[in-house]
Protein backbone atom coordinates (compact mmCIF):
# COMPACT_ATOMS: atom_id res chain seq x y z
CA MET A 1 115.06 98.68 94.40
CA TYR A 2 112.33 98.11 96.94
CA SER A 3 112.52 99.76 100.32
CA PHE A 4 110.89 98.01 103.25
CA ASP A 5 111.05 101.07 105.47
CA MET A 6 107.79 102.92 105.97
CA THR A 7 107.77 106.67 105.54
CA PRO A 8 107.25 108.66 108.76
CA GLU A 9 103.68 109.35 107.63
CA GLN A 10 102.98 105.66 106.97
CA LYS A 11 104.48 104.66 110.32
CA MET A 12 102.33 107.18 112.17
CA LEU A 13 99.21 106.01 110.31
CA VAL A 14 99.89 102.32 110.97
CA ASP A 15 100.53 102.99 114.67
CA THR A 16 97.33 105.01 114.95
CA VAL A 17 95.23 102.34 113.25
CA HIS A 18 96.79 99.59 115.37
CA ARG A 19 95.91 101.46 118.57
CA TYR A 20 92.34 101.85 117.36
CA ALA A 21 92.15 98.16 116.46
CA GLU A 22 93.58 97.08 119.80
CA LYS A 23 91.56 99.37 122.04
CA ASN A 24 88.28 99.41 120.15
CA LEU A 25 87.87 96.51 117.73
CA ARG A 26 89.38 93.90 120.03
CA ALA A 27 87.12 95.19 122.83
CA ILE A 28 83.86 94.60 120.95
CA TYR A 29 84.56 91.95 118.32
CA ARG A 30 82.67 89.20 120.13
CA GLU A 31 79.77 91.49 121.04
CA ALA A 32 79.50 92.59 117.41
CA GLU A 33 79.60 88.98 116.20
CA GLU A 34 76.96 87.78 118.66
CA SER A 35 74.59 90.74 118.14
CA LYS A 36 75.28 90.83 114.38
CA HIS A 37 75.63 94.59 114.67
CA VAL A 38 78.54 97.02 114.92
CA PRO A 39 78.19 99.69 117.65
CA GLU A 40 77.73 103.15 116.15
CA LYS A 41 80.31 104.61 118.54
CA VAL A 42 83.00 102.30 117.19
CA VAL A 43 82.02 103.10 113.60
CA GLN A 44 82.21 106.83 114.25
CA MET A 45 85.59 106.52 115.94
CA GLY A 46 86.86 104.51 112.99
CA TRP A 47 85.53 107.06 110.54
CA GLU A 48 87.22 109.88 112.44
CA LEU A 49 90.59 108.30 111.73
CA GLY A 50 90.19 109.86 108.28
CA LEU A 51 91.36 106.84 106.32
CA LEU A 52 89.10 107.37 103.30
CA PRO A 53 89.54 111.19 103.11
CA GLY A 54 93.28 110.49 103.18
CA LEU A 55 92.89 108.71 99.81
CA ILE A 56 90.98 111.59 98.15
CA ASP A 57 92.56 114.60 96.45
CA ALA A 58 92.40 117.94 98.23
CA GLN A 59 90.40 119.56 95.43
CA TYR A 60 87.49 117.29 96.33
CA GLY A 61 87.73 117.84 100.08
CA GLY A 62 90.26 115.17 101.02
CA TYR A 63 93.83 115.60 102.17
CA GLY A 64 95.86 112.97 100.40
CA GLU A 65 96.30 110.88 97.30
CA TYR A 66 95.56 107.25 96.61
CA SER A 67 98.25 104.73 97.54
CA ALA A 68 97.53 101.01 97.38
CA LEU A 69 100.63 100.30 99.45
CA THR A 70 99.69 102.68 102.25
CA SER A 71 96.20 101.16 102.27
CA ALA A 72 97.65 97.65 102.50
CA LEU A 73 99.75 98.66 105.51
CA TYR A 74 96.88 99.94 107.60
CA LEU A 75 94.33 97.37 106.38
CA GLU A 76 96.43 94.60 107.90
CA GLU A 77 96.17 96.34 111.27
CA MET A 78 92.42 96.82 110.92
CA ALA A 79 91.79 93.16 110.11
CA TRP A 80 94.09 92.16 112.96
CA GLY A 81 91.54 93.90 115.19
CA ASP A 82 88.41 92.39 113.62
CA LEU A 83 87.44 91.59 110.05
CA GLY A 84 83.68 92.09 110.37
CA VAL A 85 83.93 95.60 111.79
CA THR A 86 86.67 96.45 109.29
CA LEU A 87 84.48 95.47 106.34
CA HIS A 88 81.69 97.63 107.79
CA LEU A 89 84.07 100.60 107.96
CA LEU A 90 85.30 99.96 104.41
CA THR A 91 81.81 99.96 102.88
CA PRO A 92 81.89 103.65 101.77
CA ASN A 93 85.17 102.89 99.98
CA LEU A 94 83.24 100.60 97.64
CA PHE A 95 81.57 103.70 96.22
CA ALA A 96 84.20 106.39 96.71
CA ILE A 97 87.36 104.66 95.42
CA PRO A 98 85.88 103.75 92.00
CA ILE A 99 84.58 107.32 91.71
CA ALA A 100 88.05 108.67 92.52
CA GLN A 101 89.75 106.24 90.13
CA PHE A 102 87.39 106.31 87.16
CA GLY A 103 84.85 109.10 87.63
CA THR A 104 84.45 112.10 85.35
CA ASP A 105 85.39 115.50 86.73
CA GLN A 106 81.71 116.20 87.28
CA GLN A 107 81.15 112.92 89.12
CA LYS A 108 84.16 113.49 91.34
CA ALA A 109 83.04 117.01 92.17
CA GLN A 110 79.49 115.88 92.88
CA TYR A 111 80.17 112.84 95.06
CA LEU A 112 83.65 112.78 96.61
CA SER A 113 83.08 115.66 99.01
CA MET A 114 80.43 113.66 100.87
CA PHE A 115 83.15 111.18 101.85
CA CYS A 116 85.25 113.86 103.50
CA GLY A 117 82.77 115.00 106.14
CA ASP A 118 82.28 114.18 109.80
CA SER A 119 79.62 111.49 109.38
CA PHE A 120 79.88 107.93 108.12
CA PRO A 121 78.52 108.02 104.52
CA ARG A 122 75.58 105.80 103.57
CA ALA A 123 76.94 104.52 100.29
CA THR A 124 77.75 101.01 99.10
CA ALA A 125 78.26 98.91 95.99
CA ALA A 126 76.53 95.91 94.45
CA MET A 127 78.72 93.56 92.43
CA ILE A 128 78.37 89.90 93.52
CA GLU A 129 75.45 87.94 92.11
CA PRO A 130 73.70 84.81 93.47
CA VAL A 131 75.02 82.49 90.77
CA VAL A 132 77.32 79.49 90.59
CA GLN A 133 80.90 80.43 89.63
CA PHE A 134 80.40 84.19 89.86
CA ASP A 135 82.60 86.13 87.43
CA PRO A 136 82.79 89.95 87.66
CA ALA A 137 83.52 90.08 83.94
CA GLU A 138 80.42 88.04 83.04
CA LEU A 139 77.58 89.64 84.98
CA ARG A 140 73.92 88.73 84.52
CA THR A 141 72.73 92.12 85.73
CA THR A 142 72.21 94.28 82.65
CA ALA A 143 72.23 97.99 81.86
CA GLU A 144 70.38 98.92 78.70
CA LYS A 145 70.57 102.40 77.23
CA ARG A 146 67.20 103.87 76.33
CA GLY A 147 67.39 107.41 75.10
CA ASP A 148 68.90 109.59 77.81
CA GLU A 149 68.61 106.87 80.45
CA TYR A 150 70.00 103.51 81.44
CA VAL A 151 67.63 100.82 82.67
CA ILE A 152 69.14 98.31 85.10
CA ASN A 153 67.79 94.82 85.78
CA GLY A 154 69.31 92.10 87.92
CA LYS A 155 69.82 90.52 91.31
CA LYS A 156 72.74 91.15 93.66
CA THR A 157 73.85 89.61 96.92
CA TYR A 158 76.50 90.30 99.57
CA VAL A 159 75.64 94.01 99.37
CA PRO A 160 76.96 95.58 102.60
CA LEU A 161 74.79 98.00 104.59
CA ALA A 162 72.23 98.06 101.77
CA LYS A 163 69.29 98.70 104.05
CA GLN A 164 70.58 102.15 105.04
CA ALA A 165 72.23 103.01 101.73
CA GLU A 166 71.44 106.31 100.06
CA LEU A 167 73.69 105.53 97.09
CA PHE A 168 74.58 102.32 95.27
CA LEU A 169 77.33 101.71 92.76
CA VAL A 170 75.82 98.93 90.67
CA TYR A 171 77.94 96.79 88.34
CA ALA A 172 76.16 95.56 85.25
CA GLN A 173 76.76 94.11 81.80
CA GLU A 174 76.52 96.66 79.00
CA ASN A 175 77.21 95.52 75.44
CA GLY A 176 79.37 92.63 76.62
CA ALA A 177 81.48 94.61 79.11
CA THR A 178 81.18 95.27 82.84
CA GLN A 179 80.43 98.88 83.70
CA ALA A 180 79.31 100.67 86.87
CA PHE A 181 76.30 102.90 87.45
CA ILE A 182 75.41 105.31 90.23
CA VAL A 183 71.94 104.49 91.56
CA PRO A 184 70.10 106.45 94.29
CA GLY A 185 68.88 104.24 97.09
CA ASP A 186 65.33 105.56 96.75
CA ALA A 187 65.11 105.05 92.98
CA PRO A 188 61.94 103.20 91.89
CA GLY A 189 62.67 99.51 91.38
CA VAL A 190 65.43 99.21 94.00
CA LYS A 191 64.31 96.53 96.45
CA VAL A 192 66.46 95.55 99.40
CA GLY A 193 65.73 91.95 100.34
CA LYS A 194 66.65 89.67 103.21
CA ARG A 195 69.87 89.80 105.14
CA VAL A 196 72.43 87.21 104.08
CA LYS A 197 73.49 84.81 106.84
CA LEU A 198 77.13 83.85 106.68
CA MET A 199 79.35 81.40 108.50
CA GLY A 200 81.66 84.24 109.56
CA VAL A 201 81.91 88.05 109.62
CA GLN A 202 78.45 88.10 111.15
CA ALA A 203 78.97 91.63 112.45
CA LEU A 204 78.75 92.85 108.84
CA GLU A 205 75.23 93.44 107.53
CA LEU A 206 74.95 92.00 104.01
CA TYR A 207 71.76 91.99 101.94
CA GLU A 208 70.24 90.76 98.74
CA VAL A 209 69.12 93.59 96.45
CA ASP A 210 66.91 93.43 93.36
CA PHE A 211 67.02 96.03 90.61
CA GLU A 212 63.84 95.92 88.54
CA ASN A 213 63.67 98.35 85.61
CA VAL A 214 65.65 100.94 87.55
CA ALA A 215 66.00 104.01 85.34
CA ILE A 216 68.90 106.42 85.89
CA PRO A 217 70.25 109.35 83.83
CA LYS A 218 73.03 108.53 81.39
CA ALA A 219 75.24 110.91 83.40
CA ASN A 220 75.24 108.25 86.13
CA ARG A 221 77.37 105.88 84.09
CA LEU A 222 80.67 105.86 85.97
CA GLY A 223 83.43 107.37 83.87
CA GLY A 224 81.01 108.81 81.32
CA LEU A 225 81.58 107.57 77.78
CA LYS A 226 85.00 106.20 78.76
CA GLY A 227 83.56 103.94 81.45
CA ILE A 228 85.65 101.83 83.83
CA ARG A 229 88.35 99.20 83.54
CA ILE A 230 87.00 96.32 85.60
CA GLN A 231 90.30 94.46 85.76
CA ARG A 232 92.02 97.48 87.27
CA LEU A 233 89.30 97.69 89.91
CA LEU A 234 89.59 93.96 90.62
CA THR A 235 93.32 94.42 91.05
CA LEU A 236 92.66 96.94 93.82
CA SER A 237 90.11 94.60 95.38
CA ARG A 238 92.57 91.71 95.40
CA ILE A 239 95.30 93.81 97.00
CA THR A 240 92.82 94.90 99.67
CA LEU A 241 91.64 91.35 100.37
CA GLY A 242 95.20 90.06 100.48
CA ALA A 243 96.15 92.65 103.10
CA LEU A 244 93.05 91.86 105.17
CA ALA A 245 93.85 88.14 105.02
CA VAL A 246 97.34 88.81 106.34
CA GLY A 247 95.84 90.73 109.26
CA VAL A 248 93.44 87.92 110.20
CA ALA A 249 96.17 85.29 109.89
CA ARG A 250 98.59 87.36 111.95
CA ALA A 251 96.03 87.69 114.73
CA ALA A 252 95.52 83.92 114.81
CA TYR A 253 99.24 83.19 114.72
CA GLU A 254 100.07 85.59 117.54
CA TYR A 255 97.30 84.18 119.73
CA ALA A 256 98.38 80.60 119.08
CA LEU A 257 102.04 81.45 119.73
CA ASN A 258 101.28 83.07 123.10
CA TYR A 259 99.02 80.17 124.05
CA ALA A 260 101.71 77.64 123.17
CA LYS A 261 104.25 79.48 125.33
CA GLU A 262 101.92 79.61 128.33
CA ARG A 263 100.18 76.23 128.08
CA VAL A 264 102.12 73.68 130.13
CA ALA A 265 101.70 69.95 129.56
CA PHE A 266 103.88 67.19 131.01
CA GLY A 267 106.08 69.73 132.75
CA GLU A 268 106.90 72.06 129.85
CA PRO A 269 105.23 74.59 127.52
CA ILE A 270 103.70 72.92 124.48
CA ALA A 271 105.71 75.35 122.32
CA HIS A 272 108.72 73.12 123.13
CA ARG A 273 107.08 70.22 121.32
CA GLN A 274 108.61 69.84 117.88
CA SER A 275 105.25 69.34 116.12
CA ILE A 276 103.84 72.55 117.62
CA ALA A 277 107.03 74.52 117.01
CA PHE A 278 107.18 73.45 113.37
CA MET A 279 103.51 74.31 112.85
CA LEU A 280 103.98 77.79 114.32
CA ALA A 281 107.11 78.36 112.24
CA ASN A 282 105.32 77.40 109.04
CA MET A 283 102.42 79.70 109.92
CA ARG A 284 104.84 82.60 110.30
CA ILE A 285 106.57 81.79 107.01
CA GLU A 286 103.28 81.75 105.11
CA ILE A 287 102.16 85.07 106.62
CA GLU A 288 105.42 86.78 105.74
CA ALA A 289 105.39 85.38 102.20
CA THR A 290 101.84 86.56 101.59
CA ARG A 291 102.54 90.01 102.98
CA LEU A 292 105.44 90.45 100.55
CA MET A 293 103.27 89.35 97.63
CA VAL A 294 100.62 91.90 98.61
CA TRP A 295 103.20 94.65 98.98
CA GLU A 296 104.70 93.84 95.57
CA ALA A 297 101.29 94.08 93.88
CA ALA A 298 100.52 97.35 95.69
CA TYR A 299 103.92 98.79 94.78
CA LYS A 300 103.41 97.96 91.12
CA TYR A 301 99.95 99.54 91.14
CA ASP A 302 101.25 102.75 92.69
CA ALA A 303 104.14 102.85 90.21
CA GLY A 304 101.72 102.71 87.27
CA GLU A 305 102.79 99.21 86.26
CA ASP A 306 100.43 96.40 85.33
CA ALA A 307 99.75 94.76 88.69
CA THR A 308 97.02 92.41 87.46
CA LYS A 309 99.05 89.21 87.68
CA ALA A 310 100.79 90.13 90.94
CA ALA A 311 97.50 91.00 92.62
CA TYR A 312 95.79 87.85 91.39
CA LEU A 313 98.60 85.62 92.64
CA ALA A 314 98.69 87.43 95.99
CA LYS A 315 94.93 87.01 96.42
CA MET A 316 94.95 83.31 95.50
CA TYR A 317 97.87 82.65 97.84
CA ALA A 318 96.24 84.67 100.62
CA ASP A 319 92.99 82.68 100.36
CA LYS A 320 94.93 79.46 100.95
CA MET A 321 97.26 80.91 103.57
CA VAL A 322 94.62 82.46 105.83
CA LEU A 323 92.64 79.24 105.96
CA GLU A 324 95.71 77.15 106.78
CA VAL A 325 97.00 79.55 109.44
CA THR A 326 93.67 80.01 111.21
CA ASP A 327 93.05 76.28 111.13
CA GLY A 328 96.56 75.76 112.49
CA ALA A 329 95.78 78.14 115.35
CA VAL A 330 92.74 76.06 116.27
CA GLN A 331 94.91 72.94 116.23
CA VAL A 332 97.55 74.51 118.48
CA LEU A 333 94.89 75.23 121.08
CA GLY A 334 93.62 71.68 120.84
CA GLY A 335 90.19 71.28 122.45
CA HIS A 336 90.29 74.90 123.60
CA GLY A 337 90.43 75.98 119.96
CA TYR A 338 86.85 74.79 119.52
CA ILE A 339 85.60 76.79 122.50
CA ARG A 340 84.17 80.23 121.81
CA ASP A 341 85.97 81.66 124.82
CA HIS A 342 88.96 81.80 122.50
CA PRO A 343 88.83 83.87 119.27
CA VAL A 344 90.61 81.38 117.00
CA GLU A 345 87.36 79.69 116.02
CA LEU A 346 86.03 83.07 114.87
CA TRP A 347 89.18 83.78 112.88
CA LEU A 348 88.89 80.37 111.21
CA ARG A 349 85.29 81.08 110.18
CA ASN A 350 86.24 84.54 108.94
CA GLY A 351 89.27 83.23 107.08
CA ARG A 352 87.14 80.72 105.20
CA GLY A 353 85.18 83.52 103.58
CA PHE A 354 87.99 85.27 101.69
CA ALA A 355 87.62 83.01 98.66
CA THR A 356 84.02 84.28 98.17
CA LEU A 357 84.74 88.03 98.37
CA ASP A 358 86.56 88.72 95.09
CA GLY A 359 85.44 92.14 93.89
CA ALA A 360 83.36 92.83 96.99
CA VAL A 361 85.96 94.88 98.88
CA VAL A 362 88.18 97.75 97.81
CA ALA A 363 90.23 100.27 99.76
């Protein structure tokens, strides 16, 4: 039987993250969007919450164990605050979580401790490629074994914080299968290109990165001879993105609901109008349905079950839901929804991007 009650630890974590999102992310979301930069103070405060160390075993310097469900709970609160800043804060997870899930004992011992310190780690991952119909299981970036080294060639895009990265986790095709490789940021052949300009999440710095004959030791193949299971990693990514979508949609719904209660037209709040009331009700239904789908996938993952299908369905449903709910919020506000004084237009632009981020986020 499922239990929908959070543990005391989960409740405390969710409350803490919500306070941070409300007091910090909501205070700077527009500034970060306009300047296309996240204030370092906000990043450091977010890092000091200890969310990533809480997912790393104590033997590697952390103080917890991985739980997809616990992550989904607090990720909703983070995205409720602001998606762009949240994705900035989650960037080190792109490197650390795959190491924790698939790394050899030596790789875990070598790298995980750097994600349990006081400073925001400069590590990221490069998966998405600038191709039509991107498929994480059919990458064009290649890793060829030559003696005691792997040589990586390919182009990546949507690589977060690449310009400052000291470590990359690069996904590449090796003998017909997707594997991951640890690449130092200063390795010869790593070339960080131009910043990618997006319709939304403009606070997040994303870059194009070229890998031209980048040679790394064979010990840098994630998981050693065993390698990684890309579908398992994509399952985690889809759970993460589903939870983030719920947070963005919830923010838009709550704003639209409050607006509808306060906005008076023809002598009564517009929330009394049947068309508005039905729209708000449907928005709430879709949010709740998506949240339950995300929780089910996360529960199955934590229980050691095959969560591939559940996570995929949750992600596909979340992509549709977040776009409909954020667009509905703009409609509820009418002409005001198109004015940047209100955040619903930002949430609509951010919500549109979820369909393009498969595999690019993990927590």
